Amino acid sequence: MVETNGAFPAPELSVDQWFNSKEGLSLEKLRGRPVLIHAFQMLCPGCVSHGIPQTQKARAIFEKTDLQVIGLHTVFEHHEAMTPVALGAFLHEYQIKFPVGLDKPTANDGIPATMAAYSMRGTPTTLLIDRSGNLVANLFGQIEDIVLGSLIQSLLASPVVKPGSDGIEKTVNSNERRNEDGCKIPAA
């Protein structure tokens, strides 16, 4: 387990193709919202048995918050078997509804671009990004549900920081729900 304690800005995602998203996501556009990224491979036993179900549970539990859940299919082995068509079928069969990006392959050593940028050791990997766009956790392997829930809750409890029209960051009440454009969503 590696925890960065918000030490540096999270690198932007390098994605070739998005699934379950009308338009691609970027961390820059998501600034002001906490982000959970689950990096996986569809042929990774730990991802299929633990990581993906855990991410689906987190999405369901925190769906009424501004947490953004993203999957990242990061292929570093068995490239011939894990094609975009196979990934689409996998997402359908496992009823994965959150946005999933296909990590951009690199020519040098087969380690995809986002995987390399985050120094991931393998899959499953869970990345947590705070409202200011800082990487606060890079967790390799299986993590306990209660640990993940606690980390997510800490991110949700932090104040929302948005740049104002004058370029100065302003704190917004973190209990307010906001859409992707930062507009307040009325309470249900």
N, C-alpha and C. Protein backbone atom coordinates (compact mmCIF):
# COMPACT_ATOMS: atom_id res chain seq x y z
N MET A 1 0.85 -1.17 0.00
CA MET A 1 0.00 0.00 0.00
C MET A 1 0.90 1.23 0.00
N VAL A 2 0.58 2.18 -0.88
CA VAL A 2 1.30 3.44 -0.93
C VAL A 2 0.31 4.55 -0.69
N GLU A 3 0.56 5.41 0.28
CA GLU A 3 -0.30 6.58 0.52
C GLU A 3 0.55 7.82 0.33
N THR A 4 0.04 8.76 -0.47
CA THR A 4 0.82 9.94 -0.79
C THR A 4 0.44 11.14 0.03
N ASN A 5 -0.66 11.08 0.78
CA ASN A 5 -1.09 12.18 1.64
C ASN A 5 -1.21 13.50 0.89
N GLY A 6 -1.69 13.47 -0.34
CA GLY A 6 -1.93 14.69 -1.10
C GLY A 6 -0.65 15.40 -1.49
N ALA A 7 0.45 14.65 -1.64
CA ALA A 7 1.75 15.26 -1.87
C ALA A 7 1.92 15.84 -3.27
N PHE A 8 1.18 15.35 -4.25
CA PHE A 8 1.38 15.88 -5.59
C PHE A 8 0.10 15.78 -6.41
N PRO A 9 0.00 16.64 -7.43
CA PRO A 9 -1.19 16.60 -8.29
C PRO A 9 -1.29 15.27 -9.03
N ALA A 10 -2.50 14.78 -9.15
CA ALA A 10 -2.72 13.52 -9.85
C ALA A 10 -2.48 13.73 -11.35
N PRO A 11 -1.70 12.85 -11.98
CA PRO A 11 -1.51 12.97 -13.43
C PRO A 11 -2.84 12.77 -14.16
N GLU A 12 -2.98 13.44 -15.30
CA GLU A 12 -4.19 13.29 -16.11
C GLU A 12 -4.26 11.86 -16.65
N LEU A 13 -5.46 11.38 -16.86
CA LEU A 13 -5.66 10.04 -17.41
C LEU A 13 -5.33 10.05 -18.91
N SER A 14 -4.62 9.02 -19.37
CA SER A 14 -4.33 8.84 -20.80
C SER A 14 -5.20 7.69 -21.28
N VAL A 15 -6.28 8.02 -21.94
CA VAL A 15 -7.29 7.02 -22.31
C VAL A 15 -7.49 7.01 -23.82
N ASP A 16 -7.50 5.80 -24.39
CA ASP A 16 -7.75 5.63 -25.83
C ASP A 16 -9.23 5.64 -26.16
N GLN A 17 -10.04 5.07 -25.27
CA GLN A 17 -11.47 4.91 -25.54
C GLN A 17 -12.22 4.87 -24.22
N TRP A 18 -13.43 5.45 -24.21
CA TRP A 18 -14.28 5.43 -23.02
C TRP A 18 -15.48 4.53 -23.25
N PHE A 19 -15.88 3.83 -22.21
CA PHE A 19 -17.10 3.02 -22.19
C PHE A 19 -18.01 3.60 -21.10
N ASN A 20 -19.30 3.49 -21.28
CA ASN A 20 -20.30 3.97 -20.32
C ASN A 20 -20.19 5.48 -20.07
N SER A 21 -19.76 6.22 -21.06
CA SER A 21 -19.64 7.67 -20.94
C SER A 21 -19.84 8.28 -22.32
N LYS A 22 -20.75 9.23 -22.40
CA LYS A 22 -21.02 9.87 -23.70
C LYS A 22 -19.83 10.67 -24.19
N GLU A 23 -19.13 11.29 -23.26
CA GLU A 23 -17.90 12.01 -23.60
C GLU A 23 -16.84 11.64 -22.59
N GLY A 24 -15.61 11.76 -22.99
CA GLY A 24 -14.52 11.38 -22.12
C GLY A 24 -14.46 12.22 -20.85
N LEU A 25 -13.91 11.63 -19.82
CA LEU A 25 -13.73 12.31 -18.55
C LEU A 25 -12.29 12.79 -18.44
N SER A 26 -12.10 13.87 -17.72
CA SER A 26 -10.74 14.31 -17.42
C SER A 26 -10.72 14.75 -15.96
N LEU A 27 -9.57 14.57 -15.34
CA LEU A 27 -9.44 14.98 -13.94
C LEU A 27 -9.56 16.49 -13.80
N GLU A 28 -9.14 17.20 -14.81
CA GLU A 28 -9.28 18.67 -14.77
C GLU A 28 -10.75 19.06 -14.69
N LYS A 29 -11.60 18.42 -15.50
CA LYS A 29 -13.03 18.73 -15.47
C LYS A 29 -13.67 18.28 -14.16
N LEU A 30 -13.09 17.30 -13.51
CA LEU A 30 -13.65 16.76 -12.26
C LEU A 30 -13.11 17.47 -11.02
N ARG A 31 -12.24 18.44 -11.20
CA ARG A 31 -11.69 19.16 -10.05
C ARG A 31 -12.82 19.74 -9.21
N GLY A 32 -12.72 19.59 -7.91
CA GLY A 32 -13.78 20.00 -7.00
C GLY A 32 -14.59 18.81 -6.52
N ARG A 33 -14.40 17.66 -7.16
CA ARG A 33 -15.08 16.43 -6.75
C ARG A 33 -14.04 15.39 -6.35
N PRO A 34 -14.33 14.57 -5.34
CA PRO A 34 -13.44 13.46 -5.05
C PRO A 34 -13.60 12.39 -6.13
N VAL A 35 -12.51 11.69 -6.44
CA VAL A 35 -12.52 10.70 -7.51
C VAL A 35 -11.94 9.39 -6.99
N LEU A 36 -12.64 8.30 -7.29
CA LEU A 36 -12.18 6.94 -7.03
C LEU A 36 -11.92 6.31 -8.39
N ILE A 37 -10.69 5.88 -8.63
CA ILE A 37 -10.33 5.18 -9.87
C ILE A 37 -9.95 3.76 -9.51
N HIS A 38 -10.61 2.81 -10.16
CA HIS A 38 -10.27 1.39 -9.97
C HIS A 38 -9.58 0.92 -11.24
N ALA A 39 -8.27 0.64 -11.14
CA ALA A 39 -7.50 0.11 -12.27
C ALA A 39 -7.57 -1.41 -12.22
N PHE A 40 -7.94 -2.00 -13.36
CA PHE A 40 -8.15 -3.44 -13.38
C PHE A 40 -7.78 -4.03 -14.74
N GLN A 41 -7.72 -5.34 -14.78
CA GLN A 41 -7.68 -6.11 -16.02
C GLN A 41 -8.79 -7.13 -15.93
N MET A 42 -9.47 -7.37 -17.04
CA MET A 42 -10.61 -8.29 -16.98
C MET A 42 -10.17 -9.74 -16.77
N LEU A 43 -8.89 -10.06 -16.96
CA LEU A 43 -8.40 -11.41 -16.70
C LEU A 43 -7.64 -11.50 -15.37
N CYS A 44 -7.77 -10.49 -14.55
CA CYS A 44 -7.12 -10.48 -13.23
C CYS A 44 -8.10 -11.07 -12.20
N PRO A 45 -7.77 -12.23 -11.63
CA PRO A 45 -8.69 -12.85 -10.67
C PRO A 45 -9.05 -11.95 -9.48
N GLY A 46 -8.08 -11.23 -8.90
CA GLY A 46 -8.37 -10.35 -7.78
C GLY A 46 -9.28 -9.19 -8.15
N CYS A 47 -9.16 -8.74 -9.40
CA CYS A 47 -10.02 -7.66 -9.89
C CYS A 47 -11.46 -8.13 -10.01
N VAL A 48 -11.63 -9.31 -10.61
CA VAL A 48 -12.96 -9.85 -10.87
C VAL A 48 -13.65 -10.29 -9.58
N SER A 49 -12.90 -10.91 -8.67
CA SER A 49 -13.53 -11.44 -7.45
C SER A 49 -13.68 -10.39 -6.35
N HIS A 50 -12.82 -9.38 -6.32
CA HIS A 50 -12.86 -8.43 -5.21
C HIS A 50 -12.95 -6.97 -5.66
N GLY A 51 -12.00 -6.52 -6.47
CA GLY A 51 -11.89 -5.11 -6.81
C GLY A 51 -13.10 -4.52 -7.53
N ILE A 52 -13.56 -5.20 -8.56
CA ILE A 52 -14.70 -4.68 -9.32
C ILE A 52 -15.98 -4.70 -8.48
N PRO A 53 -16.30 -5.82 -7.79
CA PRO A 53 -17.49 -5.78 -6.92
C PRO A 53 -17.39 -4.71 -5.84
N GLN A 54 -16.20 -4.50 -5.27
CA GLN A 54 -16.01 -3.47 -4.25
C GLN A 54 -16.26 -2.08 -4.84
N THR A 55 -15.78 -1.84 -6.04
CA THR A 55 -15.98 -0.55 -6.70
C THR A 55 -17.45 -0.33 -7.02
N GLN A 56 -18.14 -1.39 -7.45
CA GLN A 56 -19.58 -1.27 -7.71
C GLN A 56 -20.34 -0.96 -6.42
N LYS A 57 -19.94 -1.58 -5.32
CA LYS A 57 -20.58 -1.29 -4.02
C LYS A 57 -20.32 0.15 -3.60
N ALA A 58 -19.09 0.61 -3.77
CA ALA A 58 -18.76 1.99 -3.41
C ALA A 58 -19.60 2.97 -4.23
N ARG A 59 -19.74 2.68 -5.51
CA ARG A 59 -20.55 3.55 -6.37
C ARG A 59 -21.99 3.58 -5.87
N ALA A 60 -22.55 2.42 -5.52
CA ALA A 60 -23.94 2.36 -5.05
C ALA A 60 -24.11 3.06 -3.70
N ILE A 61 -23.18 2.84 -2.79
CA ILE A 61 -23.29 3.43 -1.45
C ILE A 61 -23.17 4.95 -1.50
N PHE A 62 -22.28 5.45 -2.35
CA PHE A 62 -22.01 6.89 -2.38
C PHE A 62 -22.64 7.59 -3.58
N GLU A 63 -23.65 6.97 -4.20
CA GLU A 63 -24.22 7.55 -5.42
C GLU A 63 -24.93 8.89 -5.20
N LYS A 64 -25.35 9.17 -3.99
CA LYS A 64 -26.02 10.45 -3.73
C LYS A 64 -25.04 11.53 -3.28
N THR A 65 -23.75 11.28 -3.46
CA THR A 65 -22.72 12.27 -3.15
C THR A 65 -22.11 12.72 -4.48
N ASP A 66 -21.09 13.55 -4.39
CA ASP A 66 -20.43 13.99 -5.61
C ASP A 66 -19.19 13.16 -5.95
N LEU A 67 -19.04 11.98 -5.33
CA LEU A 67 -17.93 11.08 -5.66
C LEU A 67 -18.06 10.63 -7.12
N GLN A 68 -16.98 10.75 -7.88
CA GLN A 68 -16.94 10.24 -9.24
C GLN A 68 -16.17 8.92 -9.23
N VAL A 69 -16.82 7.86 -9.68
CA VAL A 69 -16.19 6.54 -9.76
C VAL A 69 -15.82 6.29 -11.22
N ILE A 70 -14.58 5.88 -11.43
CA ILE A 70 -14.07 5.61 -12.78
C ILE A 70 -13.34 4.28 -12.76
N GLY A 71 -13.55 3.49 -13.79
CA GLY A 71 -12.77 2.28 -14.00
C GLY A 71 -11.69 2.58 -15.02
N LEU A 72 -10.55 1.93 -14.88
CA LEU A 72 -9.45 2.09 -15.83
C LEU A 72 -8.94 0.70 -16.19
N HIS A 73 -9.22 0.29 -17.42
CA HIS A 73 -8.74 -1.03 -17.88
C HIS A 73 -7.31 -0.83 -18.36
N THR A 74 -6.37 -1.32 -17.57
CA THR A 74 -4.96 -1.08 -17.82
C THR A 74 -4.28 -2.41 -18.16
N VAL A 75 -4.09 -2.64 -19.45
CA VAL A 75 -3.61 -3.93 -19.94
C VAL A 75 -2.08 -3.93 -20.05
N PHE A 76 -1.45 -4.77 -19.24
CA PHE A 76 0.01 -4.88 -19.30
C PHE A 76 0.45 -6.31 -19.62
N GLU A 77 -0.51 -7.19 -19.87
CA GLU A 77 -0.22 -8.58 -20.26
C GLU A 77 -1.43 -9.12 -21.02
N HIS A 78 -1.24 -10.20 -21.74
CA HIS A 78 -2.33 -10.84 -22.50
C HIS A 78 -3.04 -9.84 -23.43
N HIS A 79 -2.26 -9.00 -24.11
CA HIS A 79 -2.82 -7.94 -24.94
C HIS A 79 -3.78 -8.47 -26.00
N GLU A 80 -3.47 -9.62 -26.59
CA GLU A 80 -4.30 -10.16 -27.67
C GLU A 80 -5.69 -10.54 -27.19
N ALA A 81 -5.81 -10.94 -25.94
CA ALA A 81 -7.10 -11.39 -25.40
C ALA A 81 -7.96 -10.23 -24.89
N MET A 82 -7.33 -9.12 -24.52
CA MET A 82 -8.07 -8.04 -23.87
C MET A 82 -8.26 -6.85 -24.82
N THR A 83 -9.07 -7.08 -25.82
CA THR A 83 -9.35 -6.06 -26.83
C THR A 83 -10.50 -5.16 -26.38
N PRO A 84 -10.69 -4.03 -27.03
CA PRO A 84 -11.84 -3.18 -26.71
C PRO A 84 -13.18 -3.91 -26.87
N VAL A 85 -13.29 -4.77 -27.86
CA VAL A 85 -14.54 -5.52 -28.06
C VAL A 85 -14.77 -6.47 -26.89
N ALA A 86 -13.71 -7.15 -26.45
CA ALA A 86 -13.83 -8.06 -25.31
C ALA A 86 -14.17 -7.27 -24.04
N LEU A 87 -13.57 -6.09 -23.88
CA LEU A 87 -13.86 -5.26 -22.71
C LEU A 87 -15.32 -4.83 -22.71
N GLY A 88 -15.84 -4.43 -23.86
CA GLY A 88 -17.25 -4.04 -23.94
C GLY A 88 -18.17 -5.18 -23.51
N ALA A 89 -17.87 -6.40 -23.96
CA ALA A 89 -18.67 -7.56 -23.57
C ALA A 89 -18.53 -7.83 -22.06
N PHE A 90 -17.33 -7.71 -21.55
CA PHE A 90 -17.06 -7.91 -20.12
C PHE A 90 -17.88 -6.93 -19.28
N LEU A 91 -17.85 -5.66 -19.64
CA LEU A 91 -18.59 -4.64 -18.90
C LEU A 91 -20.09 -4.92 -18.93
N HIS A 92 -20.58 -5.39 -20.07
CA HIS A 92 -22.01 -5.73 -20.19
C HIS A 92 -22.34 -6.93 -19.30
N GLU A 93 -21.55 -7.99 -19.37
CA GLU A 93 -21.83 -9.21 -18.61
C GLU A 93 -21.75 -8.99 -17.10
N TYR A 94 -20.81 -8.16 -16.67
CA TYR A 94 -20.66 -7.89 -15.24
C TYR A 94 -21.48 -6.69 -14.78
N GLN A 95 -22.28 -6.14 -15.67
CA GLN A 95 -23.19 -5.01 -15.39
C GLN A 95 -22.45 -3.84 -14.74
N ILE A 96 -21.31 -3.52 -15.32
CA ILE A 96 -20.51 -2.38 -14.84
C ILE A 96 -21.04 -1.14 -15.53
N LYS A 97 -21.60 -0.23 -14.74
CA LYS A 97 -22.27 0.95 -15.29
C LYS A 97 -21.45 2.23 -15.18
N PHE A 98 -20.44 2.26 -14.33
CA PHE A 98 -19.64 3.48 -14.19
C PHE A 98 -18.72 3.63 -15.41
N PRO A 99 -18.27 4.86 -15.69
CA PRO A 99 -17.39 5.07 -16.84
C PRO A 99 -16.09 4.28 -16.69
N VAL A 100 -15.66 3.69 -17.81
CA VAL A 100 -14.42 2.92 -17.83
C VAL A 100 -13.58 3.41 -19.01
N GLY A 101 -12.34 3.77 -18.71
CA GLY A 101 -11.41 4.19 -19.75
C GLY A 101 -10.44 3.07 -20.08
N LEU A 102 -10.07 2.99 -21.35
CA LEU A 102 -9.07 2.02 -21.80
C LEU A 102 -7.72 2.73 -21.78
N ASP A 103 -6.87 2.34 -20.85
CA ASP A 103 -5.56 2.98 -20.67
C ASP A 103 -4.77 2.91 -21.98
N LYS A 104 -4.17 4.03 -22.35
CA LYS A 104 -3.45 4.15 -23.62
C LYS A 104 -2.18 3.30 -23.59
N PRO A 105 -2.04 2.38 -24.58
CA PRO A 105 -0.82 1.56 -24.62
C PRO A 105 0.40 2.41 -24.99
N THR A 106 1.56 1.93 -24.57
CA THR A 106 2.82 2.57 -24.95
C THR A 106 3.66 1.58 -25.72
N ALA A 107 4.54 2.09 -26.54
CA ALA A 107 5.35 1.23 -27.40
C ALA A 107 6.56 0.63 -26.68
N ASN A 108 7.04 1.29 -25.66
CA ASN A 108 8.33 0.89 -25.08
C ASN A 108 8.32 -0.45 -24.34
N ASP A 109 7.53 -0.60 -23.30
CA ASP A 109 7.62 -1.84 -22.51
C ASP A 109 6.27 -2.50 -22.24
N GLY A 110 5.24 -2.03 -22.90
CA GLY A 110 3.93 -2.64 -22.71
C GLY A 110 3.17 -2.15 -21.51
N ILE A 111 3.76 -1.30 -20.68
CA ILE A 111 3.05 -0.73 -19.54
C ILE A 111 2.25 0.47 -20.06
N PRO A 112 0.93 0.45 -19.88
CA PRO A 112 0.12 1.56 -20.39
C PRO A 112 0.47 2.90 -19.75
N ALA A 113 0.11 3.98 -20.43
CA ALA A 113 0.53 5.33 -20.06
C ALA A 113 0.08 5.75 -18.66
N THR A 114 -1.21 5.55 -18.33
CA THR A 114 -1.69 5.98 -17.02
C THR A 114 -1.09 5.11 -15.92
N MET A 115 -0.98 3.83 -16.19
CA MET A 115 -0.37 2.92 -15.22
C MET A 115 1.05 3.37 -14.89
N ALA A 116 1.80 3.76 -15.91
CA ALA A 116 3.17 4.23 -15.70
C ALA A 116 3.18 5.57 -14.96
N ALA A 117 2.29 6.48 -15.34
CA ALA A 117 2.26 7.81 -14.72
C ALA A 117 1.98 7.74 -13.23
N TYR A 118 1.20 6.74 -12.80
CA TYR A 118 0.87 6.58 -11.38
C TYR A 118 1.78 5.56 -10.69
N SER A 119 2.76 5.03 -11.40
CA SER A 119 3.68 4.02 -10.84
C SER A 119 2.93 2.85 -10.22
N MET A 120 1.89 2.40 -10.91
CA MET A 120 1.14 1.25 -10.40
C MET A 120 1.99 0.00 -10.49
N ARG A 121 1.84 -0.86 -9.49
CA ARG A 121 2.60 -2.11 -9.44
C ARG A 121 1.87 -3.26 -10.10
N GLY A 122 0.60 -3.10 -10.39
CA GLY A 122 -0.21 -4.14 -11.00
C GLY A 122 -1.67 -3.85 -10.76
N THR A 123 -2.48 -4.90 -10.90
CA THR A 123 -3.91 -4.76 -10.68
C THR A 123 -4.34 -5.81 -9.66
N PRO A 124 -5.37 -5.51 -8.89
CA PRO A 124 -6.14 -4.26 -8.84
C PRO A 124 -5.38 -3.15 -8.12
N THR A 125 -5.61 -1.93 -8.58
CA THR A 125 -5.08 -0.73 -7.91
C THR A 125 -6.22 0.25 -7.74
N THR A 126 -6.30 0.83 -6.56
CA THR A 126 -7.30 1.85 -6.27
C THR A 126 -6.59 3.18 -6.07
N LEU A 127 -7.04 4.18 -6.81
CA LEU A 127 -6.50 5.53 -6.71
C LEU A 127 -7.58 6.44 -6.14
N LEU A 128 -7.23 7.28 -5.19
CA LEU A 128 -8.16 8.25 -4.64
C LEU A 128 -7.58 9.64 -4.83
N ILE A 129 -8.40 10.52 -5.39
CA ILE A 129 -7.98 11.89 -5.72
C ILE A 129 -8.90 12.85 -4.98
N ASP A 130 -8.30 13.83 -4.32
CA ASP A 130 -9.10 14.77 -3.53
C ASP A 130 -9.71 15.86 -4.41
N ARG A 131 -10.48 16.73 -3.79
CA ARG A 131 -11.20 17.78 -4.51
C ARG A 131 -10.27 18.78 -5.19
N SER A 132 -9.05 18.88 -4.70
CA SER A 132 -8.07 19.80 -5.30
C SER A 132 -7.28 19.14 -6.42
N GLY A 133 -7.57 17.87 -6.71
CA GLY A 133 -6.88 17.18 -7.79
C GLY A 133 -5.58 16.51 -7.38
N ASN A 134 -5.40 16.31 -6.07
CA ASN A 134 -4.18 15.66 -5.57
C ASN A 134 -4.42 14.17 -5.33
N LEU A 135 -3.44 13.38 -5.69
CA LEU A 135 -3.49 11.95 -5.42
C LEU A 135 -3.24 11.76 -3.93
N VAL A 136 -4.23 11.18 -3.22
CA VAL A 136 -4.08 10.97 -1.78
C VAL A 136 -3.87 9.50 -1.42
N ALA A 137 -4.17 8.59 -2.34
CA ALA A 137 -3.93 7.17 -2.07
C ALA A 137 -3.71 6.43 -3.37
N ASN A 138 -2.72 5.54 -3.36
CA ASN A 138 -2.42 4.64 -4.47
C ASN A 138 -2.29 3.28 -3.81
N LEU A 139 -3.36 2.49 -3.87
CA LEU A 139 -3.45 1.24 -3.10
C LEU A 139 -3.42 0.04 -4.04
N PHE A 140 -2.41 -0.80 -3.89
CA PHE A 140 -2.25 -1.99 -4.73
C PHE A 140 -2.80 -3.20 -4.01
N GLY A 141 -3.57 -4.02 -4.71
CA GLY A 141 -4.09 -5.26 -4.15
C GLY A 141 -5.45 -5.07 -3.52
N GLN A 142 -5.86 -6.09 -2.80
CA GLN A 142 -7.17 -6.05 -2.15
C GLN A 142 -7.10 -5.19 -0.90
N ILE A 143 -8.10 -4.33 -0.75
CA ILE A 143 -8.21 -3.53 0.47
C ILE A 143 -9.56 -3.81 1.10
N GLU A 144 -9.61 -3.72 2.39
CA GLU A 144 -10.85 -3.99 3.11
C GLU A 144 -11.89 -2.92 2.79
N ASP A 145 -13.15 -3.34 2.71
CA ASP A 145 -14.25 -2.41 2.42
C ASP A 145 -14.28 -1.25 3.41
N ILE A 146 -14.08 -1.54 4.68
CA ILE A 146 -14.17 -0.49 5.69
C ILE A 146 -13.06 0.54 5.51
N VAL A 147 -11.88 0.10 5.08
CA VAL A 147 -10.77 1.02 4.83
C VAL A 147 -11.11 1.93 3.66
N LEU A 148 -11.60 1.34 2.56
CA LEU A 148 -11.97 2.14 1.40
C LEU A 148 -13.10 3.11 1.75
N GLY A 149 -14.11 2.64 2.46
CA GLY A 149 -15.22 3.50 2.86
C GLY A 149 -14.76 4.67 3.71
N SER A 150 -13.84 4.41 4.62
CA SER A 150 -13.31 5.46 5.48
C SER A 150 -12.53 6.50 4.67
N LEU A 151 -11.71 6.04 3.73
CA LEU A 151 -10.95 6.96 2.89
C LEU A 151 -11.87 7.81 2.02
N ILE A 152 -12.90 7.18 1.45
CA ILE A 152 -13.85 7.92 0.62
C ILE A 152 -14.58 8.95 1.47
N GLN A 153 -15.03 8.55 2.66
CA GLN A 153 -15.76 9.47 3.53
C GLN A 153 -14.89 10.68 3.90
N SER A 154 -13.60 10.45 4.11
CA SER A 154 -12.68 11.56 4.40
C SER A 154 -12.62 12.53 3.23
N LEU A 155 -12.58 11.99 2.01
CA LEU A 155 -12.57 12.86 0.83
C LEU A 155 -13.86 13.65 0.71
N LEU A 156 -14.98 12.98 0.97
CA LEU A 156 -16.28 13.64 0.85
C LEU A 156 -16.45 14.74 1.90
N ALA A 157 -15.86 14.55 3.07
CA ALA A 157 -16.01 15.53 4.15
C ALA A 157 -15.14 16.76 3.95
N SER A 158 -14.18 16.68 3.04
CA SER A 158 -13.30 17.83 2.82
C SER A 158 -14.05 18.92 2.06
N PRO A 159 -13.67 20.17 2.29
CA PRO A 159 -14.38 21.27 1.61
C PRO A 159 -14.15 21.25 0.11
N VAL A 160 -15.17 21.70 -0.61
CA VAL A 160 -15.08 21.82 -2.06
C VAL A 160 -14.32 23.10 -2.37
N VAL A 161 -13.31 22.97 -3.20
CA VAL A 161 -12.53 24.14 -3.60
C VAL A 161 -12.71 24.33 -5.09
N LYS A 162 -13.21 25.49 -5.49
CA LYS A 162 -13.45 25.80 -6.90
C LYS A 162 -12.76 27.11 -7.23
N PRO A 163 -12.14 27.19 -8.40
CA PRO A 163 -11.59 28.49 -8.79
C PRO A 163 -12.72 29.46 -9.12
N GLY A 164 -12.61 30.67 -8.59
CA GLY A 164 -13.59 31.71 -8.89
C GLY A 164 -13.28 32.39 -10.21
N SER A 165 -14.15 33.26 -10.65
CA SER A 165 -13.93 33.97 -11.91
C SER A 165 -12.67 34.83 -11.86
N ASP A 166 -12.22 35.18 -10.65
CA ASP A 166 -11.01 35.98 -10.51
C ASP A 166 -9.76 35.11 -10.40
N GLY A 167 -9.93 33.78 -10.54
CA GLY A 167 -8.80 32.86 -10.47
C GLY A 167 -8.43 32.44 -9.07
N ILE A 168 -9.07 33.01 -8.07
CA ILE A 168 -8.79 32.66 -6.68
C ILE A 168 -9.72 31.53 -6.26
N GLU A 169 -9.15 30.48 -5.64
CA GLU A 169 -9.95 29.34 -5.22
C GLU A 169 -10.85 29.72 -4.06
N LYS A 170 -12.09 29.24 -4.12
CA LYS A 170 -13.08 29.54 -3.08
C LYS A 170 -13.62 28.23 -2.54
N THR A 171 -13.87 28.18 -1.23
CA THR A 171 -14.42 27.00 -0.59
C THR A 171 -15.94 27.05 -0.67
N VAL A 172 -16.54 25.92 -1.02
CA VAL A 172 -17.98 25.78 -1.13
C VAL A 172 -18.41 24.73 -0.12
N ASN A 173 -19.60 24.83 0.44
CA ASN A 173 -20.12 23.86 1.39
C ASN A 173 -20.05 22.46 0.78
N SER A 174 -19.31 21.52 1.42
CA SER A 174 -19.14 20.18 0.86
C SER A 174 -20.40 19.33 0.98
N ASN A 175 -21.40 19.78 1.74
CA ASN A 175 -22.64 19.02 1.85
C ASN A 175 -23.58 19.29 0.67
N GLU A 176 -23.27 20.31 -0.12
CA GLU A 176 -24.10 20.61 -1.27
C GLU A 176 -23.74 19.67 -2.41
N ARG A 177 -24.74 19.11 -3.07
CA ARG A 177 -24.50 18.28 -4.24
C ARG A 177 -24.39 19.19 -5.45
N ARG A 178 -23.44 18.88 -6.33
CA ARG A 178 -23.20 19.69 -7.53
C ARG A 178 -23.08 18.78 -8.74
N ASN A 179 -23.50 19.31 -9.90
CA ASN A 179 -23.36 18.55 -11.14
C ASN A 179 -21.96 18.72 -11.70
N GLU A 180 -21.69 18.13 -12.88
CA GLU A 180 -20.35 18.17 -13.45
C GLU A 180 -19.89 19.59 -13.77
N ASP A 181 -20.82 20.53 -13.95
CA ASP A 181 -20.46 21.91 -14.24
C ASP A 181 -20.29 22.74 -12.97
N GLY A 182 -20.44 22.10 -11.79
CA GLY A 182 -20.28 22.80 -10.53
C GLY A 182 -21.53 23.50 -10.04
N CYS A 183 -22.64 23.30 -10.76
CA CYS A 183 -23.90 23.93 -10.35
C CYS A 183 -24.56 23.12 -9.23
N LYS A 184 -25.17 23.83 -8.28
CA LYS A 184 -25.81 23.19 -7.14
C LYS A 184 -27.02 22.39 -7.60
N ILE A 185 -27.15 21.17 -7.04
CA ILE A 185 -28.30 20.30 -7.29
C ILE A 185 -29.22 20.43 -6.09
N PRO A 186 -30.49 20.76 -6.30
CA PRO A 186 -31.42 20.90 -5.16
C PRO A 186 -31.53 19.60 -4.37
N ALA A 187 -31.73 19.73 -3.07
CA ALA A 187 -31.91 18.56 -2.21
C ALA A 187 -33.17 17.83 -2.59
N ALA A 188 -33.14 16.51 -2.50
CA ALA A 188 -34.30 15.70 -2.88
C ALA A 188 -35.36 15.71 -1.81
